[in-house]
Amino acid sequence: MIPFPGTPFYTELQEKGLLKEGAPHYPGLTREEMETMVRKAYRKFYVGLPFFTQLLRHPREMFFSRFWAYYNALKFMLWKKYIR
């Protein structure tokens, strides 16, 4: 999850002191471990059958309107070092 300012998740992380430069910072978890977990979550979501089923049922809403978001997620899922 991404903690956007003004959301309950952001406020909770802020109160617990788990935000560092606006990004979540969990003690005992390295940046590499966090990136690995995020990459696995992306793969599980975007490569799963429920996602493809929705994509086939609603191609315009599920794919064409979100093309660039999927493109960026795909880059992050496939490459070890993701540089923007």
C-alpha atoms as a PDB file:
ATOM      1  CA  MET A   1       0.000   0.000   0.000  1.00  0.00           C
ATOM      2  CA  ILE A   2       1.091   3.517  -0.687  1.00  0.00           C
ATOM      3  CA  PRO A   3       0.567   5.929   2.206  1.00  0.00           C
ATOM      4  CA  PHE A   4      -0.923   9.024   0.573  1.00  0.00           C
ATOM      5  CA  PRO A   5      -1.016  12.141   2.792  1.00  0.00           C
ATOM      6  CA  GLY A   6      -4.418  12.646   4.378  1.00  0.00           C
ATOM      7  CA  THR A   7      -5.325   8.939   4.407  1.00  0.00           C
ATOM      8  CA  PRO A   8      -5.782   6.920   7.609  1.00  0.00           C
ATOM      9  CA  PHE A   9      -2.858   4.678   6.600  1.00  0.00           C
ATOM     10  CA  TYR A  10      -0.550   7.685   6.249  1.00  0.00           C
ATOM     11  CA  THR A  11      -1.688   9.071   9.608  1.00  0.00           C
ATOM     12  CA  GLU A  12      -1.152   5.697  11.293  1.00  0.00           C
ATOM     13  CA  LEU A  13       2.385   5.350   9.924  1.00  0.00           C
ATOM     14  CA  GLN A  14       3.143   8.940  10.864  1.00  0.00           C
ATOM     15  CA  GLU A  15       1.936   8.436  14.442  1.00  0.00           C
ATOM     16  CA  LYS A  16       4.044   5.281  14.793  1.00  0.00           C
ATOM     17  CA  GLY A  17       7.119   6.994  13.327  1.00  0.00           C
ATOM     18  CA  LEU A  18       7.263   4.638  10.353  1.00  0.00           C
ATOM     19  CA  LEU A  19       7.504   7.298   7.635  1.00  0.00           C
ATOM     20  CA  LYS A  20      10.851   8.357   6.250  1.00  0.00           C
ATOM     21  CA  GLU A  21      10.754  11.079   3.582  1.00  0.00           C
ATOM     22  CA  GLY A  22       7.084  10.259   2.928  1.00  0.00           C
ATOM     23  CA  ALA A  23       7.721   6.560   2.299  1.00  0.00           C
ATOM     24  CA  PRO A  24       7.074   3.665   4.680  1.00  0.00           C
ATOM     25  CA  HIS A  25      10.093   2.617   6.724  1.00  0.00           C
ATOM     26  CA  TYR A  26       9.820  -0.628   8.646  1.00  0.00           C
ATOM     27  CA  PRO A  27      12.656  -1.399  11.077  1.00  0.00           C
ATOM     28  CA  GLY A  28      14.286  -4.746  10.401  1.00  0.00           C
ATOM     29  CA  LEU A  29      13.263  -4.721   6.732  1.00  0.00           C
ATOM     30  CA  THR A  30      15.827  -3.655   4.155  1.00  0.00           C
ATOM     31  CA  ARG A  31      14.948  -1.754   1.000  1.00  0.00           C
ATOM     32  CA  GLU A  32      15.807  -4.836  -1.075  1.00  0.00           C
ATOM     33  CA  GLU A  33      13.478  -7.038   0.991  1.00  0.00           C
ATOM     34  CA  MET A  34      10.696  -4.476   0.609  1.00  0.00           C
ATOM     35  CA  GLU A  35      11.209  -4.287  -3.175  1.00  0.00           C
ATOM     36  CA  THR A  36      11.153  -8.087  -3.406  1.00  0.00           C
ATOM     37  CA  MET A  37       7.860  -8.252  -1.519  1.00  0.00           C
ATOM     38  CA  VAL A  38       6.331  -5.526  -3.708  1.00  0.00           C
ATOM     39  CA  ARG A  39       7.483  -7.318  -6.859  1.00  0.00           C
ATOM     40  CA  LYS A  40       5.870 -10.576  -5.659  1.00  0.00           C
ATOM     41  CA  ALA A  41       2.620  -8.761  -4.850  1.00  0.00           C
ATOM     42  CA  TYR A  42       2.518  -7.182  -8.327  1.00  0.00           C
ATOM     43  CA  ARG A  43       3.073 -10.580  -9.941  1.00  0.00           C
ATOM     44  CA  LYS A  44       0.413 -12.244  -7.830  1.00  0.00           C
ATOM     45  CA  PHE A  45      -2.141  -9.547  -8.692  1.00  0.00           C
ATOM     46  CA  TYR A  46      -1.408  -8.934 -12.372  1.00  0.00           C
ATOM     47  CA  VAL A  47      -0.700 -12.527 -13.392  1.00  0.00           C
ATOM     48  CA  GLY A  48      -3.643 -14.084 -11.571  1.00  0.00           C
ATOM     49  CA  LEU A  49      -6.755 -15.520 -13.190  1.00  0.00           C
ATOM     50  CA  PRO A  50      -9.183 -13.002 -11.594  1.00  0.00           C
ATOM     51  CA  PHE A  51      -7.311 -10.092 -13.169  1.00  0.00           C
ATOM     52  CA  PHE A  52      -7.304 -11.681 -16.638  1.00  0.00           C
ATOM     53  CA  THR A  53     -10.989 -12.521 -16.322  1.00  0.00           C
ATOM     54  CA  GLN A  54     -11.825  -8.880 -15.604  1.00  0.00           C
ATOM     55  CA  LEU A  55      -9.513  -7.780 -18.407  1.00  0.00           C
ATOM     56  CA  LEU A  56     -11.358  -9.973 -20.910  1.00  0.00           C
ATOM     57  CA  ARG A  57     -14.785  -8.870 -19.676  1.00  0.00           C
ATOM     58  CA  HIS A  58     -14.011  -5.142 -19.630  1.00  0.00           C
ATOM     59  CA  PRO A  59     -11.021  -4.485 -21.915  1.00  0.00           C
ATOM     60  CA  ARG A  60     -11.648  -0.773 -22.328  1.00  0.00           C
ATOM     61  CA  GLU A  61     -11.912  -0.003 -18.609  1.00  0.00           C
ATOM     62  CA  MET A  62      -9.333  -2.529 -17.425  1.00  0.00           C
ATOM     63  CA  PHE A  63      -6.615  -2.077 -20.022  1.00  0.00           C
ATOM     64  CA  PHE A  64      -6.809   0.883 -22.332  1.00  0.00           C
ATOM     65  CA  SER A  65      -7.613   3.469 -19.669  1.00  0.00           C
ATOM     66  CA  ARG A  66      -4.849   2.126 -17.385  1.00  0.00           C
ATOM     67  CA  PHE A  67      -2.170   1.276 -19.937  1.00  0.00           C
ATOM     68  CA  TRP A  68       0.624   3.426 -18.468  1.00  0.00           C
ATOM     69  CA  ALA A  69       0.007   2.191 -14.929  1.00  0.00           C
ATOM     70  CA  TYR A  70       0.311  -1.402 -16.143  1.00  0.00           C
ATOM     71  CA  TYR A  71       3.398  -0.546 -18.173  1.00  0.00           C
ATOM     72  CA  ASN A  72       5.152   0.878 -15.109  1.00  0.00           C
ATOM     73  CA  ALA A  73       4.084  -2.072 -12.947  1.00  0.00           C
ATOM     74  CA  LEU A  74       5.386  -4.482 -15.577  1.00  0.00           C
ATOM     75  CA  LYS A  75       8.776  -2.770 -15.652  1.00  0.00           C
ATOM     76  CA  PHE A  76       9.014  -3.060 -11.885  1.00  0.00           C
ATOM     77  CA  MET A  77       7.967  -6.725 -11.874  1.00  0.00           C
ATOM     78  CA  LEU A  78      10.468  -7.827 -14.503  1.00  0.00           C
ATOM     79  CA  TRP A  79      13.648  -5.863 -13.919  1.00  0.00           C
ATOM     80  CA  LYS A  80      15.836  -6.301 -10.836  1.00  0.00           C
ATOM     81  CA  LYS A  81      16.875  -2.657 -10.744  1.00  0.00           C
ATOM     82  CA  TYR A  82      14.024  -0.291 -11.523  1.00  0.00           C
ATOM     83  CA  ILE A  83      15.182   3.190 -12.446  1.00  0.00           C
ATOM     84  CA  ARG A  84      12.635   5.866 -13.262  1.00  0.00           C
END
